[in-house]
Amino acid sequence: MLTAICRYGPRVVPETDAIVQRCRDRGELIDGPDIAAFEQACADRIGVEESVSASYGRMAFYYILNALDLRDGGEVILPALTFWVVPEMVRVAGLTPVFADVDPRTFNLDPASFERAISSRTVAVVPTHLYGLPCDMDAIVAIARRHRLAIVEDCAHALGATSRGSHAGTFGDAAFFSFQTLKPLNTYGGGLAVARDPRVLRRIRAQAEAEPWPSIERVRTRLRLGWVQRTFSRPSVFTVTAYPALLAAALWNGRADVYLWEKIRPLSPMPDSYRERYTNVQAAIGLAALDRLVEWTRATRAHAAIMDEALQGIPGVQVPHVPEGAGHVYYQYCVYAPDRDRLVRRALWRGIDVETLHVDVCSTLSIFGTQPPTPGAERAAQVVQLPVYASLGSRRARRIARRVRRLLAANAAFQDPVQKARTDIAKV
């Protein structure tokens, strides 16, 4: 029987249930000593003095924008290829998002496009280390310093990523991280802020600690949702639950997964669910997860190397470009391939669930009004993202690489099995 492989694989600490029980027994599900310990452990791992936890990565970013005391209405330059929430939080903070193009080889902010986007109203830049690959921070920092702009690194995908030996999050004035279930460090939600100036960090902490604690029921719901996500991504469960729905939708060019995406919408006024503190049980899980971060990163890199070896040299296929000195953590493994949508359908038919776009071309979204064209971002949105997550295992990684290579190398006259099935159904 075919066992399908999910596009996602949350990083789960094996002793999660024991950690939750320990916090419950001690009355430390909400508040407790693990929060401070986790913040310091994260700071040590990133290579900074201190860090501040938050309910979400987006809230860590919001606190940073407020703490930097930027000119009201000032322009903040972001890469056009990013999660829509990031520029929307810029607007929530009373600033104006402006988009620059990305380099389609790296998916990261193009320094030349960034510089062209600077105006007399620009106050900051947000380089996003997309998919776990650090930006060209030497060039970005030089441009930002020349124009006296604040630098806020978006490290949501990049905990553990490095550039010339320095960790993502240490190049700018501040940085934020995300601990959502699928991120490099999973604490079932949450985020983190770091800042170079201690005064800025104190202002960030004052905002974060002024938020109310969540209810115990809300924490339990978050943990239950995490359990559901990790359970349904297991091959044995995924194969008999979500996979058939994805396959059925693909028969008619449908996308069942879009119903799981967060709806693009204005976030002002701020949703009440954002305004809460990071909890002790999440921090306790995070401490255990930090101990495994190097192991997990090593695994994703090994799986990416398997894909590289299998897919290099196929006409029209481009594997991820990693500049010299960059330490990619492969939150996503992105490949350019001919006839992407056909490849996605054929891979799914063979039990491999892949993704086409994890973020948004924000310069094309109506919520942000008319923006200059960003052809690099639109090109970068045409990739297919292959699973390389830590829990995949080398055997499944080789299976994916072998099957995708065969699909890519197959004769163009090969009839797509999904298209054939759709045609056969139409004849009935």
Protein backbone atom coordinates (compact mmCIF):
# COMPACT_ATOMS: atom_id res chain seq x y z
CA MET A 1 0.00 0.00 0.00
CA LEU A 2 1.19 3.52 -0.85
CA THR A 3 2.30 5.56 2.15
CA ALA A 4 2.08 9.28 1.39
CA ILE A 5 4.58 11.87 2.61
CA CYS A 6 3.25 15.15 3.99
CA ARG A 7 4.81 18.45 2.95
CA TYR A 8 5.21 19.40 6.62
CA GLY A 9 6.80 17.69 9.59
CA PRO A 10 6.69 19.63 12.88
CA ARG A 11 9.76 19.41 15.08
CA VAL A 12 8.48 17.68 18.19
CA VAL A 13 10.32 17.06 21.45
CA PRO A 14 9.66 13.40 22.41
CA GLU A 15 9.16 14.31 26.06
CA THR A 16 6.57 17.03 25.32
CA ASP A 17 3.78 15.28 27.24
CA ALA A 18 6.03 14.80 30.28
CA ILE A 19 7.03 18.47 30.21
CA VAL A 20 3.40 19.56 30.07
CA GLN A 21 2.54 17.25 32.97
CA ARG A 22 5.45 18.56 35.03
CA CYS A 23 4.36 22.16 34.50
CA ARG A 24 0.78 21.23 35.37
CA ASP A 25 1.83 19.46 38.59
CA ARG A 26 3.86 22.47 39.68
CA GLY A 27 1.15 24.98 38.81
CA GLU A 28 3.47 26.51 36.20
CA LEU A 29 1.54 26.15 32.95
CA ILE A 30 1.16 29.94 32.67
CA ASP A 31 3.82 31.75 34.70
CA GLY A 32 7.06 30.23 35.93
CA PRO A 33 10.86 30.21 35.92
CA ASP A 34 11.28 28.55 32.53
CA ILE A 35 10.39 31.78 30.71
CA ALA A 36 13.49 33.64 31.89
CA ALA A 37 15.64 30.53 31.40
CA PHE A 38 14.37 30.10 27.83
CA GLU A 39 14.93 33.75 26.97
CA GLN A 40 18.54 33.52 28.16
CA ALA A 41 19.12 30.21 26.38
CA CYS A 42 17.83 31.72 23.13
CA ALA A 43 20.03 34.77 23.57
CA ASP A 44 23.05 32.54 24.12
CA ARG A 45 22.23 30.46 21.05
CA ILE A 46 21.75 33.51 18.81
CA GLY A 47 24.81 35.29 20.21
CA VAL A 48 23.28 38.30 21.97
CA GLU A 49 23.06 39.45 25.58
CA GLU A 50 19.29 39.16 26.12
CA SER A 51 16.03 38.32 24.40
CA VAL A 52 12.33 38.90 25.09
CA SER A 53 9.60 36.32 24.45
CA ALA A 54 6.25 37.22 22.93
CA SER A 55 2.94 35.55 22.12
CA TYR A 56 3.71 35.54 18.37
CA GLY A 57 6.61 36.39 16.10
CA ARG A 58 4.44 39.14 14.63
CA MET A 59 3.98 40.64 18.09
CA ALA A 60 7.74 40.58 18.70
CA PHE A 61 8.06 42.55 15.44
CA TYR A 62 5.33 44.98 16.51
CA TYR A 63 7.04 45.62 19.84
CA ILE A 64 10.34 46.23 18.03
CA LEU A 65 8.79 48.80 15.69
CA ASN A 66 7.28 50.65 18.64
CA ALA A 67 10.50 50.48 20.66
CA LEU A 68 12.64 51.92 17.86
CA ASP A 69 10.57 55.11 18.06
CA LEU A 70 10.37 55.50 14.29
CA ARG A 71 8.81 58.56 12.70
CA ASP A 72 5.03 58.20 12.50
CA GLY A 73 3.98 57.29 8.96
CA GLY A 74 7.58 56.66 7.93
CA GLU A 75 8.26 54.13 5.19
CA VAL A 76 9.58 50.68 6.01
CA ILE A 77 11.12 48.75 3.12
CA LEU A 78 10.38 45.02 2.98
CA PRO A 79 11.03 42.31 0.41
CA ALA A 80 8.04 41.83 -1.87
CA LEU A 81 8.22 38.08 -1.20
CA THR A 82 7.22 37.64 2.43
CA PHE A 83 4.33 36.58 4.64
CA TRP A 84 1.57 39.19 4.31
CA VAL A 85 1.30 39.60 8.08
CA VAL A 86 4.76 41.21 8.27
CA PRO A 87 3.96 44.33 6.18
CA GLU A 88 0.50 44.44 7.72
CA MET A 89 2.06 44.73 11.18
CA VAL A 90 4.07 47.66 9.82
CA ARG A 91 0.76 49.37 9.09
CA VAL A 92 -0.65 48.43 12.49
CA ALA A 93 2.37 50.18 14.05
CA GLY A 94 1.49 53.41 12.21
CA LEU A 95 4.13 53.06 9.49
CA THR A 96 4.00 52.60 5.72
CA PRO A 97 5.16 49.39 4.02
CA VAL A 98 7.09 49.78 0.77
CA PHE A 99 8.27 46.79 -1.23
CA ALA A 100 11.59 46.15 -2.91
CA ASP A 101 12.32 43.24 -5.20
CA VAL A 102 14.10 40.01 -4.33
CA ASP A 103 16.90 38.10 -5.99
CA PRO A 104 15.12 35.08 -7.53
CA ARG A 105 18.23 32.94 -6.96
CA THR A 106 18.16 33.38 -3.18
CA PHE A 107 14.55 34.60 -2.63
CA ASN A 108 15.98 37.34 -0.41
CA LEU A 109 15.97 41.13 -0.57
CA ASP A 110 17.96 42.45 -3.54
CA PRO A 111 20.31 45.14 -2.15
CA ALA A 112 20.17 47.18 -5.37
CA SER A 113 16.36 47.17 -5.38
CA PHE A 114 16.38 48.06 -1.69
CA GLU A 115 18.54 51.11 -2.33
CA ARG A 116 16.35 52.25 -5.23
CA ALA A 117 13.30 52.08 -2.95
CA ILE A 118 14.76 54.49 -0.37
CA SER A 119 13.12 57.92 -0.20
CA SER A 120 13.25 60.88 2.15
CA ARG A 121 10.47 59.21 4.16
CA THR A 122 12.24 55.85 4.67
CA VAL A 123 12.98 55.00 8.29
CA ALA A 124 13.76 51.26 8.32
CA VAL A 125 14.38 48.10 6.33
CA VAL A 126 13.26 44.55 7.14
CA PRO A 127 15.53 41.97 5.47
CA THR A 128 13.83 38.57 5.63
CA HIS A 129 16.05 35.49 5.76
CA LEU A 130 13.51 33.62 3.68
CA TYR A 131 13.30 29.83 3.82
CA GLY A 132 16.29 29.76 6.18
CA LEU A 133 18.94 31.37 3.94
CA PRO A 134 20.59 34.53 5.33
CA CYS A 135 20.35 37.71 3.27
CA ASP A 136 23.37 39.54 1.87
CA MET A 137 23.67 41.43 5.13
CA ASP A 138 27.05 43.03 4.34
CA ALA A 139 25.49 44.93 1.45
CA ILE A 140 22.17 45.62 3.20
CA VAL A 141 23.84 46.92 6.37
CA ALA A 142 26.18 49.17 4.37
CA ILE A 143 23.25 50.72 2.47
CA ALA A 144 21.13 51.12 5.60
CA ARG A 145 23.94 52.78 7.57
CA ARG A 146 24.69 55.13 4.68
CA HIS A 147 21.06 56.28 4.73
CA ARG A 148 20.68 56.15 8.54
CA LEU A 149 17.96 53.51 8.50
CA ALA A 150 17.03 51.08 11.26
CA ILE A 151 17.51 47.39 10.40
CA VAL A 152 15.03 44.81 11.71
CA GLU A 153 15.85 41.23 10.67
CA ASP A 154 12.98 38.85 10.03
CA CYS A 155 14.34 35.53 11.30
CA ALA A 156 11.04 33.64 11.41
CA HIS A 157 12.52 30.91 9.18
CA ALA A 158 16.13 31.26 10.21
CA LEU A 159 16.94 30.25 13.78
CA GLY A 160 20.37 28.66 13.52
CA ALA A 161 21.17 30.12 10.09
CA THR A 162 24.57 31.80 9.77
CA SER A 163 26.47 34.10 7.46
CA ARG A 164 30.27 33.97 7.65
CA GLY A 165 30.02 32.45 11.11
CA SER A 166 27.57 34.98 12.61
CA HIS A 167 23.99 34.04 13.42
CA ALA A 168 20.95 35.52 11.73
CA GLY A 169 19.56 38.12 14.09
CA THR A 170 22.91 39.70 15.01
CA PHE A 171 23.51 41.95 12.00
CA GLY A 172 20.92 44.68 12.44
CA ASP A 173 19.50 46.86 15.19
CA ALA A 174 16.89 44.27 16.14
CA ALA A 175 15.44 40.94 15.03
CA PHE A 176 12.44 38.75 15.60
CA PHE A 177 11.87 34.98 15.51
CA SER A 178 8.79 32.77 15.34
CA PHE A 179 8.09 29.54 17.25
CA GLN A 180 4.93 28.53 15.39
CA THR A 181 4.40 24.77 15.06
CA LEU A 182 6.18 24.39 11.71
CA LYS A 183 9.10 26.73 12.41
CA PRO A 184 12.73 25.68 13.13
CA LEU A 185 11.91 25.81 16.85
CA ASN A 186 8.39 24.68 17.73
CA THR A 187 6.89 25.80 21.04
CA TYR A 188 3.29 25.63 19.78
CA GLY A 189 3.28 29.33 19.01
CA GLY A 190 5.22 32.25 20.32
CA GLY A 191 7.99 34.56 19.21
CA LEU A 192 11.16 36.28 20.33
CA ALA A 193 12.73 39.72 19.98
CA VAL A 194 16.38 40.74 20.28
CA ALA A 195 17.92 44.21 20.01
CA ARG A 196 21.41 45.67 19.91
CA ASP A 197 20.60 48.68 22.15
CA PRO A 198 19.68 47.70 25.75
CA ARG A 199 17.32 50.67 25.94
CA VAL A 200 15.36 49.38 22.96
CA LEU A 201 15.22 45.92 24.49
CA ARG A 202 13.87 47.35 27.75
CA ARG A 203 11.08 49.08 25.82
CA ILE A 204 10.30 45.81 24.03
CA ARG A 205 10.14 43.96 27.36
CA ALA A 206 7.87 46.60 28.90
CA GLN A 207 5.34 46.09 26.09
CA ALA A 208 5.50 42.29 26.19
CA GLU A 209 5.13 42.11 29.96
CA ALA A 210 2.23 44.58 29.96
CA GLU A 211 0.08 42.05 28.09
CA PRO A 212 -2.33 39.83 30.07
CA TRP A 213 -1.62 36.16 30.70
CA PRO A 214 -3.70 33.78 28.55
CA SER A 215 -6.26 31.57 30.23
CA ILE A 216 -5.39 27.96 31.04
CA GLU A 217 -8.05 26.85 28.58
CA ARG A 218 -6.43 28.87 25.79
CA VAL A 219 -3.06 27.26 26.55
CA ARG A 220 -4.65 23.80 26.53
CA THR A 221 -6.30 24.57 23.19
CA ARG A 222 -2.95 25.60 21.72
CA LEU A 223 -1.32 22.38 22.92
CA ARG A 224 -4.22 20.28 21.59
CA LEU A 225 -3.93 21.97 18.20
CA GLY A 226 -0.23 21.17 18.17
CA TRP A 227 -1.01 17.54 18.93
CA VAL A 228 -3.47 17.44 16.01
CA GLN A 229 -0.93 18.98 13.62
CA ARG A 230 1.85 16.59 14.54
CA THR A 231 -0.49 13.58 14.48
CA PHE A 232 -1.99 14.31 11.06
CA SER A 233 1.42 14.94 9.49
CA ARG A 234 2.60 11.41 10.34
CA PRO A 235 2.71 9.29 7.16
CA SER A 236 0.41 6.57 8.51
CA VAL A 237 -2.26 9.12 9.47
CA PHE A 238 -1.71 11.57 6.63
CA THR A 239 -2.12 8.78 4.06
CA VAL A 240 -5.70 8.00 5.13
CA THR A 241 -6.88 11.51 6.10
CA ALA A 242 -5.60 14.66 4.40
CA TYR A 243 -3.91 12.96 1.47
CA PRO A 244 -7.13 11.62 -0.13
CA ALA A 245 -8.68 15.10 0.12
CA LEU A 246 -5.66 16.70 -1.56
CA LEU A 247 -5.72 14.04 -4.26
CA ALA A 248 -9.43 14.49 -4.92
CA ALA A 249 -9.02 18.27 -5.19
CA ALA A 250 -6.09 17.84 -7.60
CA LEU A 251 -8.33 15.90 -9.99
CA TRP A 252 -10.09 19.19 -10.77
CA ASN A 253 -7.12 21.54 -10.34
CA GLY A 254 -8.38 22.38 -6.88
CA ARG A 255 -6.33 23.36 -3.85
CA ALA A 256 -7.78 21.90 -0.66
CA ASP A 257 -4.85 23.31 1.33
CA VAL A 258 -5.87 26.94 0.75
CA TYR A 259 -8.65 26.55 3.31
CA LEU A 260 -5.98 26.13 5.99
CA TRP A 261 -4.20 29.40 5.18
CA GLU A 262 -4.64 32.49 7.31
CA LYS A 263 -7.03 34.86 5.57
CA ILE A 264 -5.42 38.06 4.26
CA ARG A 265 -7.14 40.93 6.04
CA PRO A 266 -6.46 44.19 7.89
CA LEU A 267 -5.16 43.57 11.40
CA SER A 268 -6.12 46.95 12.82
CA PRO A 269 -7.55 47.04 15.40
CA MET A 270 -5.22 44.41 16.79
CA PRO A 271 -6.98 41.06 17.38
CA ASP A 272 -7.44 40.39 21.10
CA SER A 273 -5.92 36.92 20.65
CA TYR A 274 -2.54 38.48 19.83
CA ARG A 275 -2.42 40.45 23.05
CA GLU A 276 -1.14 37.97 25.59
CA ARG A 277 2.09 36.82 27.18
CA TYR A 278 4.28 33.87 26.30
CA THR A 279 3.72 31.03 28.76
CA ASN A 280 5.95 28.94 30.97
CA VAL A 281 4.90 25.61 29.47
CA GLN A 282 5.87 26.84 26.00
CA ALA A 283 9.21 28.01 27.35
CA ALA A 284 9.80 24.64 29.03
CA ILE A 285 9.16 22.88 25.71
CA GLY A 286 11.43 25.42 24.02
CA LEU A 287 14.31 24.67 26.37
CA ALA A 288 14.12 20.98 25.48
CA ALA A 289 13.81 21.84 21.77
CA LEU A 290 16.91 24.05 21.84
CA ASP A 291 18.93 21.03 22.92
CA ARG A 292 17.93 19.34 19.65
CA LEU A 293 18.24 22.32 17.30
CA VAL A 294 21.68 21.38 15.99
CA GLU A 295 20.58 17.78 15.42
CA TRP A 296 17.46 18.89 13.56
CA THR A 297 19.40 21.36 11.42
CA ARG A 298 21.95 18.70 10.57
CA ALA A 299 19.12 16.43 9.42
CA THR A 300 17.47 19.05 7.16
CA ARG A 301 20.84 19.84 5.60
CA ALA A 302 21.48 16.14 4.98
CA HIS A 303 18.07 15.78 3.31
CA ALA A 304 18.73 18.89 1.19
CA ALA A 305 22.05 17.38 0.08
CA ILE A 306 20.18 14.25 -1.07
CA MET A 307 17.88 16.44 -3.17
CA ASP A 308 20.83 18.42 -4.58
CA GLU A 309 22.61 15.28 -5.68
CA ALA A 310 19.52 13.80 -7.32
CA LEU A 311 18.24 16.91 -9.09
CA GLN A 312 21.36 18.70 -10.30
CA GLY A 313 22.00 18.46 -14.00
CA ILE A 314 18.39 17.99 -15.09
CA PRO A 315 17.60 20.48 -17.89
CA GLY A 316 15.51 23.40 -16.68
CA VAL A 317 15.85 22.51 -13.00
CA GLN A 318 17.54 24.87 -10.52
CA VAL A 319 18.28 23.64 -7.01
CA PRO A 320 18.70 26.16 -4.14
CA HIS A 321 21.55 28.61 -4.57
CA VAL A 322 23.63 28.96 -1.39
CA PRO A 323 26.17 31.80 -1.51
CA GLU A 324 29.66 31.22 -0.16
CA GLY A 325 29.80 31.60 3.60
CA ALA A 326 26.04 31.14 4.12
CA GLY A 327 24.69 28.51 6.50
CA HIS A 328 21.27 27.57 5.12
CA VAL A 329 18.89 25.78 7.53
CA TYR A 330 16.40 24.76 4.80
CA TYR A 331 13.10 25.72 6.36
CA GLN A 332 11.98 25.10 2.78
CA TYR A 333 13.84 23.47 -0.11
CA CYS A 334 12.82 25.43 -3.20
CA VAL A 335 13.36 24.21 -6.77
CA TYR A 336 12.63 25.83 -10.11
CA ALA A 337 11.26 23.24 -12.51
CA PRO A 338 9.54 23.25 -15.91
CA ASP A 339 5.75 22.90 -15.85
CA ARG A 340 5.60 23.23 -12.09
CA ASP A 341 1.88 22.63 -11.67
CA ARG A 342 2.05 19.41 -13.63
CA LEU A 343 4.97 18.28 -11.49
CA VAL A 344 2.99 19.02 -8.33
CA ARG A 345 0.02 16.94 -9.51
CA ARG A 346 2.18 14.03 -10.65
CA ALA A 347 4.17 14.05 -7.40
CA LEU A 348 0.95 14.02 -5.39
CA TRP A 349 -0.34 11.09 -7.44
CA ARG A 350 2.80 9.22 -6.39
CA GLY A 351 2.37 9.95 -2.71
CA ILE A 352 4.52 13.05 -2.37
CA ASP A 353 2.74 16.16 -1.10
CA VAL A 354 4.64 19.31 -2.10
CA GLU A 355 3.97 22.99 -1.74
CA THR A 356 4.15 25.77 -4.31
CA LEU A 357 4.25 28.98 -2.24
CA HIS A 358 4.65 29.33 1.50
CA VAL A 359 4.61 33.15 1.49
CA ASP A 360 3.05 35.93 -0.61
CA VAL A 361 4.05 38.29 -3.39
CA CYS A 362 2.90 41.21 -1.26
CA SER A 363 3.47 43.85 -3.93
CA THR A 364 0.53 42.33 -5.83
CA LEU A 365 -1.90 42.19 -2.91
CA SER A 366 -4.71 44.75 -3.00
CA ILE A 367 -4.51 45.25 0.76
CA PHE A 368 -1.23 47.16 0.21
CA GLY A 369 -2.45 49.34 -2.65
CA THR A 370 -0.52 50.06 -5.82
CA GLN A 371 3.13 49.09 -5.63
CA PRO A 372 5.98 49.12 -8.16
CA PRO A 373 6.42 45.88 -10.14
CA THR A 374 8.65 43.22 -8.58
CA PRO A 375 9.50 40.71 -11.31
CA GLY A 376 12.07 38.93 -9.15
CA ALA A 377 9.45 38.14 -6.52
CA GLU A 378 6.97 36.98 -9.15
CA ARG A 379 9.61 34.71 -10.62
CA ALA A 380 10.54 33.42 -7.14
CA ALA A 381 6.90 32.53 -6.52
CA GLN A 382 7.09 29.90 -9.26
CA VAL A 383 9.08 27.35 -7.27
CA VAL A 384 8.07 23.96 -5.98
CA GLN A 385 8.98 23.25 -2.35
CA LEU A 386 10.10 19.70 -1.59
CA PRO A 387 9.98 18.19 1.92
CA VAL A 388 13.35 18.07 3.68
CA TYR A 389 12.18 18.50 7.29
CA ALA A 390 14.14 16.92 10.13
CA SER A 391 11.75 14.06 10.92
CA LEU A 392 11.56 12.97 7.27
CA GLY A 393 14.46 10.53 7.53
CA SER A 394 17.05 9.74 4.87
CA ARG A 395 15.04 6.81 3.46
CA ARG A 396 11.99 8.96 2.69
CA ALA A 397 14.21 11.81 1.48
CA ARG A 398 15.80 9.46 -1.06
CA ARG A 399 12.36 8.24 -2.09
CA ILE A 400 11.24 11.81 -2.76
CA ALA A 401 14.45 12.63 -4.63
CA ARG A 402 14.25 9.49 -6.74
CA ARG A 403 10.60 9.94 -7.70
CA VAL A 404 10.87 13.67 -8.38
CA ARG A 405 13.95 13.10 -10.51
CA ARG A 406 12.06 10.52 -12.56
CA LEU A 407 9.14 12.90 -13.01
CA LEU A 408 11.38 15.74 -14.09
CA ALA A 409 13.41 13.60 -16.44
CA ALA A 410 10.40 11.83 -17.96
CA ASN A 411 9.53 12.31 -21.59
CA ALA A 412 7.39 15.39 -22.18
CA ALA A 413 4.89 13.19 -23.98
CA PHE A 414 4.15 11.27 -20.79
CA GLN A 415 0.46 11.60 -19.98
CA ASP A 416 -0.19 13.12 -16.59
CA PRO A 417 -2.11 10.46 -14.57
CA VAL A 418 -4.25 13.11 -12.89
CA GLN A 419 -5.11 14.66 -16.23
CA LYS A 420 -5.86 11.20 -17.62
CA ALA A 421 -8.17 10.44 -14.67
CA ARG A 422 -9.95 13.77 -15.10
CA THR A 423 -10.45 13.04 -18.82
CA ASP A 424 -11.74 9.53 -18.10
CA ILE A 425 -14.22 10.87 -15.54
CA ALA A 426 -15.45 13.49 -18.03
CA LYS A 427 -16.19 10.73 -20.54
CA VAL A 428 -18.49 8.88 -18.14
